[in-house]
């Protein structure tokens, strides 16, 4: 490749319109929000499991009571 062709190629690459980078504060905010939501999900997971087990136990008890009553 000749030097003039190389210069032309480099110039055209430099003139390309790349999208602007996002605001660093916005990137930090989104990362922090994602971290907090993940921590909240980990903290609430045991409570949700117990809620589901309680609902299943109540449903089972209602079925047993209905079967014994009739």
C-alpha atoms as a PDB file:
ATOM      1  CA  UNK A   1       0.000   0.000   0.000  1.00  0.00           C
ATOM      2  CA  UNK A   2       1.364   3.371  -0.914  1.00  0.00           C
ATOM      3  CA  UNK A   3       1.843   6.083   1.633  1.00  0.00           C
ATOM      4  CA  UNK A   4      -0.776   8.336   0.037  1.00  0.00           C
ATOM      5  CA  UNK A   5      -3.325   5.523   0.097  1.00  0.00           C
ATOM      6  CA  UNK A   6      -2.537   4.917   3.742  1.00  0.00           C
ATOM      7  CA  UNK A   7      -2.967   8.588   4.590  1.00  0.00           C
ATOM      8  CA  UNK A   8      -6.289   8.686   2.728  1.00  0.00           C
ATOM      9  CA  UNK A   9      -7.473   5.595   4.553  1.00  0.00           C
ATOM     10  CA  UNK A  10      -6.430   6.974   7.949  1.00  0.00           C
ATOM     11  CA  UNK A  11      -8.122  10.311   7.218  1.00  0.00           C
ATOM     12  CA  UNK A  12     -11.369   8.599   6.256  1.00  0.00           C
ATOM     13  CA  UNK A  13     -11.245   6.498   9.424  1.00  0.00           C
ATOM     14  CA  UNK A  14     -10.748   9.645  11.490  1.00  0.00           C
ATOM     15  CA  UNK A  15     -13.707  11.339   9.874  1.00  0.00           C
ATOM     16  CA  UNK A  16     -16.159   8.589  10.773  1.00  0.00           C
ATOM     17  CA  UNK A  17     -18.907   9.736  13.101  1.00  0.00           C
ATOM     18  CA  UNK A  18     -18.810   7.481  16.102  1.00  0.00           C
ATOM     19  CA  UNK A  19     -21.675   7.871  18.561  1.00  0.00           C
ATOM     20  CA  UNK A  20     -20.748   9.937  21.615  1.00  0.00           C
ATOM     21  CA  UNK A  21     -19.864   8.087  24.784  1.00  0.00           C
ATOM     22  CA  UNK A  22     -22.560   8.081  27.483  1.00  0.00           C
ATOM     23  CA  UNK A  23     -22.220  10.257  30.541  1.00  0.00           C
ATOM     24  CA  UNK A  24     -19.964   8.535  33.139  1.00  0.00           C
ATOM     25  CA  UNK A  25     -22.347   9.571  35.892  1.00  0.00           C
ATOM     26  CA  UNK A  26     -25.189   7.786  34.119  1.00  0.00           C
ATOM     27  CA  UNK A  27     -23.088   4.645  33.737  1.00  0.00           C
ATOM     28  CA  UNK A  28     -22.250   4.731  37.459  1.00  0.00           C
ATOM     29  CA  UNK A  29     -25.909   5.347  38.385  1.00  0.00           C
ATOM     30  CA  UNK A  30     -27.112   2.375  36.326  1.00  0.00           C
ATOM     31  CA  UNK A  31     -24.411   0.103  37.753  1.00  0.00           C
ATOM     32  CA  UNK A  32     -25.281   1.188  41.297  1.00  0.00           C
ATOM     33  CA  UNK A  33     -28.996   0.647  40.645  1.00  0.00           C
ATOM     34  CA  UNK A  34     -28.304  -2.825  39.254  1.00  0.00           C
ATOM     35  CA  UNK A  35     -26.160  -3.669  42.288  1.00  0.00           C
ATOM     36  CA  UNK A  36     -28.866  -2.515  44.709  1.00  0.00           C
ATOM     37  CA  UNK A  37     -31.612  -4.411  42.897  1.00  0.00           C
ATOM     38  CA  UNK A  38     -29.514  -7.589  42.951  1.00  0.00           C
ATOM     39  CA  UNK A  39     -28.872  -7.174  46.693  1.00  0.00           C
ATOM     40  CA  UNK A  40     -32.581  -6.614  47.307  1.00  0.00           C
ATOM     41  CA  UNK A  41     -33.466  -9.723  45.324  1.00  0.00           C
ATOM     42  CA  UNK A  42     -31.015 -11.812  47.371  1.00  0.00           C
ATOM     43  CA  UNK A  43     -32.431 -10.434  50.630  1.00  0.00           C
ATOM     44  CA  UNK A  44     -36.081 -11.037  49.694  1.00  0.00           C
ATOM     45  CA  UNK A  45     -35.633 -14.512  48.168  1.00  0.00           C
ATOM     46  CA  UNK A  46     -36.079 -16.479  51.464  1.00  0.00           C
ATOM     47  CA  UNK A  47     -39.241 -14.542  52.308  1.00  0.00           C
ATOM     48  CA  UNK A  48     -40.747 -15.338  48.911  1.00  0.00           C
ATOM     49  CA  UNK A  49     -39.932 -19.026  49.317  1.00  0.00           C
ATOM     50  CA  UNK A  50     -41.647 -19.132  52.715  1.00  0.00           C
ATOM     51  CA  UNK A  51     -44.671 -17.270  51.308  1.00  0.00           C
ATOM     52  CA  UNK A  52     -45.035 -19.872  48.551  1.00  0.00           C
ATOM     53  CA  UNK A  53     -44.706 -22.724  51.032  1.00  0.00           C
ATOM     54  CA  UNK A  54     -47.338 -21.109  53.272  1.00  0.00           C
ATOM     55  CA  UNK A  55     -49.728 -20.723  50.326  1.00  0.00           C
ATOM     56  CA  UNK A  56     -49.210 -24.363  49.369  1.00  0.00           C
ATOM     57  CA  UNK A  57     -49.793 -25.498  52.965  1.00  0.00           C
ATOM     58  CA  UNK A  58     -52.994 -23.455  53.204  1.00  0.00           C
ATOM     59  CA  UNK A  59     -54.248 -24.846  49.914  1.00  0.00           C
ATOM     60  CA  UNK A  60     -53.455 -28.386  51.025  1.00  0.00           C
ATOM     61  CA  UNK A  61     -55.199 -27.795  54.359  1.00  0.00           C
ATOM     62  CA  UNK A  62     -58.270 -26.407  52.575  1.00  0.00           C
ATOM     63  CA  UNK A  63     -58.404 -29.484  50.308  1.00  0.00           C
ATOM     64  CA  UNK A  64     -58.056 -31.847  53.277  1.00  0.00           C
ATOM     65  CA  UNK A  65     -60.750 -30.012  55.266  1.00  0.00           C
ATOM     66  CA  UNK A  66     -63.085 -30.005  52.268  1.00  0.00           C
ATOM     67  CA  UNK A  67     -62.502 -33.735  51.696  1.00  0.00           C
ATOM     68  CA  UNK A  68     -63.142 -34.637  55.355  1.00  0.00           C
ATOM     69  CA  UNK A  69     -66.208 -32.401  55.621  1.00  0.00           C
ATOM     70  CA  UNK A  70     -67.976 -33.863  52.561  1.00  0.00           C
END
